[in-house]
């Protein structure tokens, strides 16, 4: 692992200490991790490993200006590790570039390898904070690899739910199928060109999504691994939040189904919306990003982490 440390003053009152390093994983890929804390953060402080979702990268959690949802946890005294999956952001490709992976690669290789690498560096309690696809990929992967699961004090997922066609209407069915066909023709889904996000995704992953949505399955490409069953082996504490207004990407009904499959005896499921005491009906992205999230959602997540750090 190679690393480089720098210090900046993104906020006038508090300097951020950044260290960038890469985690080797399968296929010759190296996954970028940006480690960020304040100068006052202690060695035994809680750690938060942040994982972005589909078409995204680490900037979802922390922008170049030092702002974003990760900053909230940094200011609460945590050390934050912002990771990027293969093919995303500053993660390094092998010499020969090929879009030759699927959801299985994220769940069974990238995410467990990131958990192990961060755990090797971090001395305090460690939590995983994942958005959207990374949330159910992390839970599936941890269910399959209990050694990585035991390295965490808890997992927090926001806007995470496996797709099906039970909500979202005809528009959703058309978009999911179109995305799979287009990715198959091009070898990858051109998210950047279509202004869907800063990172493209491989065709095999988009095909998996389309198959799951049509059949209700949640399984590996070769069909030998049933991720619904793997979720039953997740025993780590889990906080799952979903926006009440998030119907297309991760509806409360589908998010609750995901949580219901988990084997953990310590599960917290929160629907972030007016009918549940929030000031607004949160959506897929603003549940993590923006002033409303910093006021209503992130403090609840942090309080849950504090409670579980104390018993870790």
C-alpha atoms as a PDB file:
ATOM      1  CA  UNK A   1       0.000   0.000   0.000  1.00  0.00           C
ATOM      2  CA  UNK A   2       1.320   3.392  -1.043  1.00  0.00           C
ATOM      3  CA  UNK A   3       0.230   6.516   0.815  1.00  0.00           C
ATOM      4  CA  UNK A   4       0.731  10.241   0.848  1.00  0.00           C
ATOM      5  CA  UNK A   5      -0.276  12.615   3.644  1.00  0.00           C
ATOM      6  CA  UNK A   6      -1.199  16.288   3.296  1.00  0.00           C
ATOM      7  CA  UNK A   7      -2.751  18.981   5.474  1.00  0.00           C
ATOM      8  CA  UNK A   8      -5.146  21.659   4.293  1.00  0.00           C
ATOM      9  CA  UNK A   9      -7.348  24.305   5.842  1.00  0.00           C
ATOM     10  CA  UNK A  10     -10.714  23.701   4.169  1.00  0.00           C
ATOM     11  CA  UNK A  11     -12.417  25.355   7.154  1.00  0.00           C
ATOM     12  CA  UNK A  12     -10.961  28.499   8.773  1.00  0.00           C
ATOM     13  CA  UNK A  13     -11.101  27.017  12.277  1.00  0.00           C
ATOM     14  CA  UNK A  14     -10.132  23.392  11.705  1.00  0.00           C
ATOM     15  CA  UNK A  15      -7.428  21.947   9.485  1.00  0.00           C
ATOM     16  CA  UNK A  16      -8.008  18.623   7.816  1.00  0.00           C
ATOM     17  CA  UNK A  17      -5.283  16.027   7.654  1.00  0.00           C
ATOM     18  CA  UNK A  18      -5.611  13.917   4.496  1.00  0.00           C
ATOM     19  CA  UNK A  19      -3.787  10.746   3.577  1.00  0.00           C
ATOM     20  CA  UNK A  20      -4.308   8.987   0.261  1.00  0.00           C
ATOM     21  CA  UNK A  21      -3.558   5.291  -0.220  1.00  0.00           C
ATOM     22  CA  UNK A  22      -4.531   2.341  -2.386  1.00  0.00           C
ATOM     23  CA  UNK A  23      -5.771  -1.158  -1.543  1.00  0.00           C
ATOM     24  CA  UNK A  24      -4.840  -4.064  -3.867  1.00  0.00           C
ATOM     25  CA  UNK A  25      -7.757  -6.256  -4.889  1.00  0.00           C
ATOM     26  CA  UNK A  26      -8.572  -8.882  -7.500  1.00  0.00           C
ATOM     27  CA  UNK A  27      -7.775  -8.470 -11.182  1.00  0.00           C
ATOM     28  CA  UNK A  28      -4.836  -6.155 -10.545  1.00  0.00           C
ATOM     29  CA  UNK A  29      -7.052  -3.244  -9.494  1.00  0.00           C
ATOM     30  CA  UNK A  30      -6.041  -0.864  -6.684  1.00  0.00           C
ATOM     31  CA  UNK A  31      -8.805   0.876  -4.759  1.00  0.00           C
ATOM     32  CA  UNK A  32      -8.250   4.462  -3.665  1.00  0.00           C
ATOM     33  CA  UNK A  33      -8.871   5.419  -0.045  1.00  0.00           C
ATOM     34  CA  UNK A  34      -8.790   8.997   1.198  1.00  0.00           C
ATOM     35  CA  UNK A  35      -8.274   9.082   4.962  1.00  0.00           C
ATOM     36  CA  UNK A  36      -9.385  12.376   6.554  1.00  0.00           C
ATOM     37  CA  UNK A  37      -9.405  13.673  10.111  1.00  0.00           C
ATOM     38  CA  UNK A  38      -8.801  16.888  11.999  1.00  0.00           C
ATOM     39  CA  UNK A  39      -5.486  17.583  13.706  1.00  0.00           C
ATOM     40  CA  UNK A  40      -7.247  17.088  17.052  1.00  0.00           C
ATOM     41  CA  UNK A  41      -8.687  13.637  16.280  1.00  0.00           C
ATOM     42  CA  UNK A  42      -7.364  11.024  18.686  1.00  0.00           C
ATOM     43  CA  UNK A  43      -5.870   7.678  17.675  1.00  0.00           C
ATOM     44  CA  UNK A  44      -8.731   5.678  19.213  1.00  0.00           C
ATOM     45  CA  UNK A  45     -11.517   7.749  17.680  1.00  0.00           C
ATOM     46  CA  UNK A  46     -14.324   5.982  15.808  1.00  0.00           C
ATOM     47  CA  UNK A  47     -13.669   5.358  12.134  1.00  0.00           C
ATOM     48  CA  UNK A  48     -16.213   5.637   9.328  1.00  0.00           C
ATOM     49  CA  UNK A  49     -15.570   3.848   6.032  1.00  0.00           C
ATOM     50  CA  UNK A  50     -17.669   5.583   3.353  1.00  0.00           C
ATOM     51  CA  UNK A  51     -18.725   3.745   0.186  1.00  0.00           C
ATOM     52  CA  UNK A  52     -20.354   5.463  -2.784  1.00  0.00           C
ATOM     53  CA  UNK A  53     -23.124   4.042  -4.931  1.00  0.00           C
ATOM     54  CA  UNK A  54     -23.705   3.462  -8.631  1.00  0.00           C
ATOM     55  CA  UNK A  55     -22.149   5.876 -11.188  1.00  0.00           C
ATOM     56  CA  UNK A  56     -20.477   7.786  -8.341  1.00  0.00           C
ATOM     57  CA  UNK A  57     -17.107   8.238  -6.611  1.00  0.00           C
ATOM     58  CA  UNK A  58     -15.621   9.560  -3.386  1.00  0.00           C
ATOM     59  CA  UNK A  59     -16.628  13.149  -4.117  1.00  0.00           C
ATOM     60  CA  UNK A  60     -20.164  12.190  -3.169  1.00  0.00           C
ATOM     61  CA  UNK A  61     -18.950  12.158   0.447  1.00  0.00           C
ATOM     62  CA  UNK A  62     -16.312  14.904   0.388  1.00  0.00           C
ATOM     63  CA  UNK A  63     -15.757  17.517  -2.298  1.00  0.00           C
ATOM     64  CA  UNK A  64     -12.531  19.287  -3.150  1.00  0.00           C
ATOM     65  CA  UNK A  65     -13.698  22.188  -0.961  1.00  0.00           C
ATOM     66  CA  UNK A  66     -13.726  19.931   2.108  1.00  0.00           C
ATOM     67  CA  UNK A  67     -17.523  19.870   2.317  1.00  0.00           C
ATOM     68  CA  UNK A  68     -19.974  16.968   2.111  1.00  0.00           C
ATOM     69  CA  UNK A  69     -21.594  14.386   4.387  1.00  0.00           C
ATOM     70  CA  UNK A  70     -18.200  12.985   5.426  1.00  0.00           C
ATOM     71  CA  UNK A  71     -17.320  16.397   6.866  1.00  0.00           C
ATOM     72  CA  UNK A  72     -20.110  16.052   9.406  1.00  0.00           C
ATOM     73  CA  UNK A  73     -18.516  12.930  10.901  1.00  0.00           C
ATOM     74  CA  UNK A  74     -15.031  14.440  10.748  1.00  0.00           C
ATOM     75  CA  UNK A  75     -16.264  17.424  12.747  1.00  0.00           C
ATOM     76  CA  UNK A  76     -17.732  15.033  15.319  1.00  0.00           C
ATOM     77  CA  UNK A  77     -14.233  13.665  15.976  1.00  0.00           C
ATOM     78  CA  UNK A  78     -14.272  10.637  13.667  1.00  0.00           C
ATOM     79  CA  UNK A  79     -11.576   9.530  11.250  1.00  0.00           C
ATOM     80  CA  UNK A  80     -13.226   9.080   7.876  1.00  0.00           C
ATOM     81  CA  UNK A  81     -12.051   6.714   5.130  1.00  0.00           C
ATOM     82  CA  UNK A  82     -13.572   7.571   1.752  1.00  0.00           C
ATOM     83  CA  UNK A  83     -13.137   4.596  -0.565  1.00  0.00           C
ATOM     84  CA  UNK A  84     -13.673   4.215  -4.299  1.00  0.00           C
ATOM     85  CA  UNK A  85     -14.639   0.966  -6.006  1.00  0.00           C
ATOM     86  CA  UNK A  86     -12.755  -0.297  -9.066  1.00  0.00           C
ATOM     87  CA  UNK A  87     -13.232   1.818 -12.158  1.00  0.00           C
ATOM     88  CA  UNK A  88     -14.301   4.823 -10.063  1.00  0.00           C
ATOM     89  CA  UNK A  89     -12.531   8.053  -9.156  1.00  0.00           C
ATOM     90  CA  UNK A  90      -8.847   7.683  -8.369  1.00  0.00           C
ATOM     91  CA  UNK A  91      -8.815   3.884  -8.162  1.00  0.00           C
ATOM     92  CA  UNK A  92      -6.057   2.453 -10.347  1.00  0.00           C
ATOM     93  CA  UNK A  93      -6.647   0.113 -13.254  1.00  0.00           C
ATOM     94  CA  UNK A  94      -4.392  -2.808 -14.187  1.00  0.00           C
ATOM     95  CA  UNK A  95      -2.202  -2.367 -17.254  1.00  0.00           C
ATOM     96  CA  UNK A  96      -4.917  -3.825 -19.472  1.00  0.00           C
ATOM     97  CA  UNK A  97      -8.232  -2.020 -19.003  1.00  0.00           C
ATOM     98  CA  UNK A  98     -11.339  -4.145 -19.294  1.00  0.00           C
ATOM     99  CA  UNK A  99     -14.873  -3.682 -17.988  1.00  0.00           C
ATOM    100  CA  UNK A 100     -14.896  -7.307 -16.918  1.00  0.00           C
ATOM    101  CA  UNK A 101     -16.588  -7.271 -13.538  1.00  0.00           C
ATOM    102  CA  UNK A 102     -20.081  -7.400 -12.052  1.00  0.00           C
ATOM    103  CA  UNK A 103     -21.948  -6.742  -8.818  1.00  0.00           C
ATOM    104  CA  UNK A 104     -20.332  -9.927  -7.515  1.00  0.00           C
ATOM    105  CA  UNK A 105     -16.910  -8.286  -7.723  1.00  0.00           C
ATOM    106  CA  UNK A 106     -17.979  -5.343  -5.595  1.00  0.00           C
ATOM    107  CA  UNK A 107     -19.656  -7.580  -3.005  1.00  0.00           C
ATOM    108  CA  UNK A 108     -17.111 -10.412  -2.842  1.00  0.00           C
ATOM    109  CA  UNK A 109     -13.810  -8.605  -3.509  1.00  0.00           C
ATOM    110  CA  UNK A 110     -13.708  -4.802  -3.391  1.00  0.00           C
ATOM    111  CA  UNK A 111     -15.750  -4.144  -0.275  1.00  0.00           C
ATOM    112  CA  UNK A 112     -14.375  -6.952   1.950  1.00  0.00           C
ATOM    113  CA  UNK A 113     -10.819  -6.024   0.880  1.00  0.00           C
ATOM    114  CA  UNK A 114     -11.469  -2.383   1.793  1.00  0.00           C
ATOM    115  CA  UNK A 115     -12.847  -3.369   5.208  1.00  0.00           C
ATOM    116  CA  UNK A 116      -9.783  -5.503   5.942  1.00  0.00           C
ATOM    117  CA  UNK A 117      -7.342  -2.801   4.814  1.00  0.00           C
ATOM    118  CA  UNK A 118      -8.994  -0.045   6.836  1.00  0.00           C
ATOM    119  CA  UNK A 119      -9.292  -2.289   9.893  1.00  0.00           C
ATOM    120  CA  UNK A 120      -5.543  -2.960   9.679  1.00  0.00           C
ATOM    121  CA  UNK A 121      -4.914   0.776   9.972  1.00  0.00           C
ATOM    122  CA  UNK A 122      -7.621   1.893  12.370  1.00  0.00           C
ATOM    123  CA  UNK A 123      -7.386   1.252  16.113  1.00  0.00           C
ATOM    124  CA  UNK A 124     -10.810   2.442  17.290  1.00  0.00           C
ATOM    125  CA  UNK A 125     -14.343   1.213  16.566  1.00  0.00           C
ATOM    126  CA  UNK A 126     -14.996   1.032  12.823  1.00  0.00           C
ATOM    127  CA  UNK A 127     -18.314   1.602  11.045  1.00  0.00           C
ATOM    128  CA  UNK A 128     -19.247   1.210   7.407  1.00  0.00           C
ATOM    129  CA  UNK A 129     -21.446   3.950   5.890  1.00  0.00           C
ATOM    130  CA  UNK A 130     -22.741   3.018   2.435  1.00  0.00           C
ATOM    131  CA  UNK A 131     -25.063   4.743  -0.012  1.00  0.00           C
ATOM    132  CA  UNK A 132     -27.453   3.038  -2.408  1.00  0.00           C
ATOM    133  CA  UNK A 133     -25.981   0.024  -4.277  1.00  0.00           C
ATOM    134  CA  UNK A 134     -22.914  -0.071  -2.017  1.00  0.00           C
ATOM    135  CA  UNK A 135     -25.201  -0.733   0.941  1.00  0.00           C
ATOM    136  CA  UNK A 136     -26.705  -3.980  -0.275  1.00  0.00           C
ATOM    137  CA  UNK A 137     -23.407  -5.003  -1.880  1.00  0.00           C
ATOM    138  CA  UNK A 138     -21.675  -4.536   1.480  1.00  0.00           C
ATOM    139  CA  UNK A 139     -24.295  -6.503   3.402  1.00  0.00           C
ATOM    140  CA  UNK A 140     -24.225  -9.343   0.880  1.00  0.00           C
ATOM    141  CA  UNK A 141     -20.436  -9.463   0.897  1.00  0.00           C
ATOM    142  CA  UNK A 142     -20.179  -9.369   4.681  1.00  0.00           C
ATOM    143  CA  UNK A 143     -22.681 -12.203   4.942  1.00  0.00           C
ATOM    144  CA  UNK A 144     -20.412 -14.303   2.743  1.00  0.00           C
ATOM    145  CA  UNK A 145     -17.185 -13.314   4.521  1.00  0.00           C
ATOM    146  CA  UNK A 146     -17.689 -13.345   8.297  1.00  0.00           C
ATOM    147  CA  UNK A 147     -14.046 -12.471   9.044  1.00  0.00           C
ATOM    148  CA  UNK A 148     -14.580  -9.045   7.442  1.00  0.00           C
ATOM    149  CA  UNK A 149     -17.918  -8.674   9.213  1.00  0.00           C
ATOM    150  CA  UNK A 150     -16.283  -9.182  12.609  1.00  0.00           C
ATOM    151  CA  UNK A 151     -13.974  -6.227  11.945  1.00  0.00           C
ATOM    152  CA  UNK A 152     -16.900  -3.778  12.078  1.00  0.00           C
ATOM    153  CA  UNK A 153     -18.828  -2.328  14.998  1.00  0.00           C
ATOM    154  CA  UNK A 154     -21.787  -1.647  12.730  1.00  0.00           C
ATOM    155  CA  UNK A 155     -23.046  -1.008   9.207  1.00  0.00           C
ATOM    156  CA  UNK A 156     -25.144   1.972   8.163  1.00  0.00           C
ATOM    157  CA  UNK A 157     -26.932   1.927   4.811  1.00  0.00           C
ATOM    158  CA  UNK A 158     -28.815   4.878   3.350  1.00  0.00           C
ATOM    159  CA  UNK A 159     -31.067   4.576   0.289  1.00  0.00           C
ATOM    160  CA  UNK A 160     -30.273   0.882  -0.147  1.00  0.00           C
ATOM    161  CA  UNK A 161     -32.791  -1.530  -1.686  1.00  0.00           C
ATOM    162  CA  UNK A 162     -32.615  -4.218  -4.360  1.00  0.00           C
ATOM    163  CA  UNK A 163     -34.627  -3.296  -7.453  1.00  0.00           C
ATOM    164  CA  UNK A 164     -37.779  -5.002  -8.630  1.00  0.00           C
ATOM    165  CA  UNK A 165     -40.732  -3.821 -10.705  1.00  0.00           C
ATOM    166  CA  UNK A 166     -43.209  -3.536  -7.842  1.00  0.00           C
ATOM    167  CA  UNK A 167     -42.892   0.266  -7.773  1.00  0.00           C
ATOM    168  CA  UNK A 168     -41.622   2.966 -10.109  1.00  0.00           C
ATOM    169  CA  UNK A 169     -44.114   2.177 -12.847  1.00  0.00           C
ATOM    170  CA  UNK A 170     -43.557   1.660 -16.562  1.00  0.00           C
ATOM    171  CA  UNK A 171     -40.849   4.326 -16.625  1.00  0.00           C
ATOM    172  CA  UNK A 172     -38.672   2.285 -14.312  1.00  0.00           C
ATOM    173  CA  UNK A 173     -39.128  -0.941 -16.246  1.00  0.00           C
ATOM    174  CA  UNK A 174     -38.220   0.789 -19.513  1.00  0.00           C
ATOM    175  CA  UNK A 175     -35.149   2.515 -18.016  1.00  0.00           C
ATOM    176  CA  UNK A 176     -33.772  -0.627 -16.370  1.00  0.00           C
ATOM    177  CA  UNK A 177     -34.158  -2.675 -19.527  1.00  0.00           C
ATOM    178  CA  UNK A 178     -32.788   0.086 -21.761  1.00  0.00           C
ATOM    179  CA  UNK A 179     -29.738   0.509 -19.500  1.00  0.00           C
ATOM    180  CA  UNK A 180     -28.982  -3.214 -19.710  1.00  0.00           C
ATOM    181  CA  UNK A 181     -29.323  -3.335 -23.502  1.00  0.00           C
ATOM    182  CA  UNK A 182     -27.227  -0.197 -24.019  1.00  0.00           C
ATOM    183  CA  UNK A 183     -24.496  -1.457 -21.693  1.00  0.00           C
ATOM    184  CA  UNK A 184     -24.455  -4.780 -23.522  1.00  0.00           C
ATOM    185  CA  UNK A 185     -23.961  -3.045 -26.854  1.00  0.00           C
ATOM    186  CA  UNK A 186     -21.189  -0.752 -25.602  1.00  0.00           C
ATOM    187  CA  UNK A 187     -19.530  -3.066 -23.076  1.00  0.00           C
ATOM    188  CA  UNK A 188     -20.401  -0.666 -20.271  1.00  0.00           C
ATOM    189  CA  UNK A 189     -23.135   1.780 -19.318  1.00  0.00           C
ATOM    190  CA  UNK A 190     -21.997   5.300 -20.380  1.00  0.00           C
ATOM    191  CA  UNK A 191     -23.065   7.155 -17.248  1.00  0.00           C
ATOM    192  CA  UNK A 192     -20.619  10.014 -17.824  1.00  0.00           C
ATOM    193  CA  UNK A 193     -21.759  10.641 -21.389  1.00  0.00           C
ATOM    194  CA  UNK A 194     -25.420  10.519 -20.338  1.00  0.00           C
ATOM    195  CA  UNK A 195     -24.722  12.815 -17.369  1.00  0.00           C
ATOM    196  CA  UNK A 196     -25.887  10.200 -14.857  1.00  0.00           C
ATOM    197  CA  UNK A 197     -22.709  10.470 -12.790  1.00  0.00           C
ATOM    198  CA  UNK A 198     -18.920  10.623 -12.973  1.00  0.00           C
ATOM    199  CA  UNK A 199     -18.314   6.874 -13.453  1.00  0.00           C
ATOM    200  CA  UNK A 200     -19.486   4.266 -15.961  1.00  0.00           C
ATOM    201  CA  UNK A 201     -20.534   0.758 -14.903  1.00  0.00           C
ATOM    202  CA  UNK A 202     -19.841  -2.647 -16.531  1.00  0.00           C
ATOM    203  CA  UNK A 203     -22.381  -4.408 -18.723  1.00  0.00           C
ATOM    204  CA  UNK A 204     -22.523  -7.522 -16.527  1.00  0.00           C
ATOM    205  CA  UNK A 205     -23.673  -5.460 -13.551  1.00  0.00           C
ATOM    206  CA  UNK A 206     -26.408  -3.708 -15.529  1.00  0.00           C
ATOM    207  CA  UNK A 207     -27.596  -7.094 -16.831  1.00  0.00           C
ATOM    208  CA  UNK A 208     -27.767  -8.416 -13.259  1.00  0.00           C
ATOM    209  CA  UNK A 209     -29.906  -5.453 -12.205  1.00  0.00           C
ATOM    210  CA  UNK A 210     -32.339  -6.067 -15.071  1.00  0.00           C
ATOM    211  CA  UNK A 211     -32.631  -9.769 -14.246  1.00  0.00           C
ATOM    212  CA  UNK A 212     -33.179  -9.110 -10.554  1.00  0.00           C
ATOM    213  CA  UNK A 213     -35.849  -6.501 -11.235  1.00  0.00           C
ATOM    214  CA  UNK A 214     -37.794  -8.841 -13.510  1.00  0.00           C
ATOM    215  CA  UNK A 215     -37.594 -11.950 -11.333  1.00  0.00           C
ATOM    216  CA  UNK A 216     -37.185 -10.732  -7.754  1.00  0.00           C
ATOM    217  CA  UNK A 217     -33.864 -12.568  -7.569  1.00  0.00           C
ATOM    218  CA  UNK A 218     -30.720 -11.309  -5.847  1.00  0.00           C
ATOM    219  CA  UNK A 219     -27.940 -13.626  -6.944  1.00  0.00           C
ATOM    220  CA  UNK A 220     -24.527 -13.922  -8.571  1.00  0.00           C
ATOM    221  CA  UNK A 221     -23.983 -13.957 -12.327  1.00  0.00           C
ATOM    222  CA  UNK A 222     -23.439 -17.721 -12.374  1.00  0.00           C
ATOM    223  CA  UNK A 223     -26.464 -18.329 -10.148  1.00  0.00           C
ATOM    224  CA  UNK A 224     -24.525 -20.242  -7.500  1.00  0.00           C
ATOM    225  CA  UNK A 225     -24.703 -17.558  -4.805  1.00  0.00           C
ATOM    226  CA  UNK A 226     -28.062 -16.414  -3.460  1.00  0.00           C
ATOM    227  CA  UNK A 227     -27.483 -13.051  -1.830  1.00  0.00           C
ATOM    228  CA  UNK A 228     -30.888 -13.115  -0.133  1.00  0.00           C
ATOM    229  CA  UNK A 229     -29.598 -16.134   1.814  1.00  0.00           C
ATOM    230  CA  UNK A 230     -26.258 -14.439   2.470  1.00  0.00           C
ATOM    231  CA  UNK A 231     -28.089 -11.566   4.165  1.00  0.00           C
ATOM    232  CA  UNK A 232     -29.296 -14.026   6.778  1.00  0.00           C
ATOM    233  CA  UNK A 233     -25.695 -14.478   7.889  1.00  0.00           C
ATOM    234  CA  UNK A 234     -25.239 -10.768   8.649  1.00  0.00           C
ATOM    235  CA  UNK A 235     -25.124 -10.494  12.445  1.00  0.00           C
ATOM    236  CA  UNK A 236     -23.408  -7.121  12.875  1.00  0.00           C
ATOM    237  CA  UNK A 237     -25.602  -4.209  14.099  1.00  0.00           C
ATOM    238  CA  UNK A 238     -27.265  -2.413  11.175  1.00  0.00           C
ATOM    239  CA  UNK A 239     -28.808   1.039  10.790  1.00  0.00           C
ATOM    240  CA  UNK A 240     -30.837   1.337   7.587  1.00  0.00           C
ATOM    241  CA  UNK A 241     -32.332   4.648   6.525  1.00  0.00           C
ATOM    242  CA  UNK A 242     -34.467   5.335   3.466  1.00  0.00           C
ATOM    243  CA  UNK A 243     -36.215   8.458   2.222  1.00  0.00           C
ATOM    244  CA  UNK A 244     -40.002   8.448   2.277  1.00  0.00           C
ATOM    245  CA  UNK A 245     -39.918  10.228  -1.075  1.00  0.00           C
ATOM    246  CA  UNK A 246     -37.493   7.748  -2.651  1.00  0.00           C
ATOM    247  CA  UNK A 247     -39.806   5.584  -4.738  1.00  0.00           C
ATOM    248  CA  UNK A 248     -37.839   5.024  -7.939  1.00  0.00           C
ATOM    249  CA  UNK A 249     -34.405   4.036  -6.560  1.00  0.00           C
ATOM    250  CA  UNK A 250     -34.994   2.614  -3.073  1.00  0.00           C
ATOM    251  CA  UNK A 251     -38.550   2.643  -1.829  1.00  0.00           C
ATOM    252  CA  UNK A 252     -39.315   2.208   1.886  1.00  0.00           C
ATOM    253  CA  UNK A 253     -41.093  -1.066   1.069  1.00  0.00           C
ATOM    254  CA  UNK A 254     -38.058  -2.551  -0.715  1.00  0.00           C
ATOM    255  CA  UNK A 255     -35.629  -1.194   1.878  1.00  0.00           C
ATOM    256  CA  UNK A 256     -37.660  -2.809   4.645  1.00  0.00           C
ATOM    257  CA  UNK A 257     -37.604  -6.108   2.725  1.00  0.00           C
ATOM    258  CA  UNK A 258     -33.789  -5.922   2.608  1.00  0.00           C
ATOM    259  CA  UNK A 259     -33.547  -5.278   6.357  1.00  0.00           C
ATOM    260  CA  UNK A 260     -36.011  -8.065   7.068  1.00  0.00           C
ATOM    261  CA  UNK A 261     -33.671 -10.590   5.438  1.00  0.00           C
ATOM    262  CA  UNK A 262     -30.773  -9.715   7.768  1.00  0.00           C
ATOM    263  CA  UNK A 263     -29.864 -12.180  10.491  1.00  0.00           C
ATOM    264  CA  UNK A 264     -28.782  -9.456  12.913  1.00  0.00           C
ATOM    265  CA  UNK A 265     -30.644  -9.129  16.196  1.00  0.00           C
ATOM    266  CA  UNK A 266     -29.751  -5.434  16.303  1.00  0.00           C
ATOM    267  CA  UNK A 267     -31.484  -3.702  13.392  1.00  0.00           C
ATOM    268  CA  UNK A 268     -32.658  -0.095  13.226  1.00  0.00           C
ATOM    269  CA  UNK A 269     -34.892   0.815  10.275  1.00  0.00           C
ATOM    270  CA  UNK A 270     -35.777   4.483   9.767  1.00  0.00           C
ATOM    271  CA  UNK A 271     -38.059   5.988   7.126  1.00  0.00           C
ATOM    272  CA  UNK A 272     -36.965   9.588   6.743  1.00  0.00           C
ATOM    273  CA  UNK A 273     -40.167  11.489   6.018  1.00  0.00           C
ATOM    274  CA  UNK A 274     -42.904  13.683   7.413  1.00  0.00           C
ATOM    275  CA  UNK A 275     -45.091  10.787   8.512  1.00  0.00           C
ATOM    276  CA  UNK A 276     -42.208   9.611  10.708  1.00  0.00           C
ATOM    277  CA  UNK A 277     -41.421  12.941  12.380  1.00  0.00           C
ATOM    278  CA  UNK A 278     -38.992  14.458   9.870  1.00  0.00           C
ATOM    279  CA  UNK A 279     -39.357  17.943   8.446  1.00  0.00           C
ATOM    280  CA  UNK A 280     -39.602  16.714   4.856  1.00  0.00           C
ATOM    281  CA  UNK A 281     -39.811  13.595   2.724  1.00  0.00           C
ATOM    282  CA  UNK A 282     -36.186  12.794   1.907  1.00  0.00           C
ATOM    283  CA  UNK A 283     -35.168  11.371  -1.455  1.00  0.00           C
ATOM    284  CA  UNK A 284     -32.379   9.169  -2.739  1.00  0.00           C
ATOM    285  CA  UNK A 285     -29.544  11.695  -2.524  1.00  0.00           C
ATOM    286  CA  UNK A 286     -30.622  14.426  -0.099  1.00  0.00           C
ATOM    287  CA  UNK A 287     -30.862  11.835   2.669  1.00  0.00           C
ATOM    288  CA  UNK A 288     -27.062  12.192   2.840  1.00  0.00           C
ATOM    289  CA  UNK A 289     -26.227  15.453   1.110  1.00  0.00           C
ATOM    290  CA  UNK A 290     -27.301  18.989   1.948  1.00  0.00           C
ATOM    291  CA  UNK A 291     -28.318  21.076   4.938  1.00  0.00           C
ATOM    292  CA  UNK A 292     -31.461  19.082   5.713  1.00  0.00           C
ATOM    293  CA  UNK A 293     -29.504  15.844   5.967  1.00  0.00           C
ATOM    294  CA  UNK A 294     -26.948  17.493   8.249  1.00  0.00           C
ATOM    295  CA  UNK A 295     -29.740  18.739  10.470  1.00  0.00           C
ATOM    296  CA  UNK A 296     -32.007  15.680  10.672  1.00  0.00           C
ATOM    297  CA  UNK A 297     -30.447  12.498   9.279  1.00  0.00           C
ATOM    298  CA  UNK A 298     -26.700  12.524   9.932  1.00  0.00           C
ATOM    299  CA  UNK A 299     -27.058  13.364  13.653  1.00  0.00           C
ATOM    300  CA  UNK A 300     -29.303  10.313  14.064  1.00  0.00           C
ATOM    301  CA  UNK A 301     -26.756   8.139  12.281  1.00  0.00           C
ATOM    302  CA  UNK A 302     -23.936   9.523  14.411  1.00  0.00           C
ATOM    303  CA  UNK A 303     -25.853   8.960  17.636  1.00  0.00           C
ATOM    304  CA  UNK A 304     -26.415   5.343  16.606  1.00  0.00           C
ATOM    305  CA  UNK A 305     -22.680   4.984  15.929  1.00  0.00           C
ATOM    306  CA  UNK A 306     -21.811   6.530  19.305  1.00  0.00           C
ATOM    307  CA  UNK A 307     -24.068   4.078  21.123  1.00  0.00           C
ATOM    308  CA  UNK A 308     -22.555   1.106  19.326  1.00  0.00           C
ATOM    309  CA  UNK A 309     -18.983   2.383  19.667  1.00  0.00           C
ATOM    310  CA  UNK A 310     -19.461   2.371  23.429  1.00  0.00           C
ATOM    311  CA  UNK A 311     -20.392  -1.315  23.394  1.00  0.00           C
ATOM    312  CA  UNK A 312     -17.892  -2.418  20.734  1.00  0.00           C
END
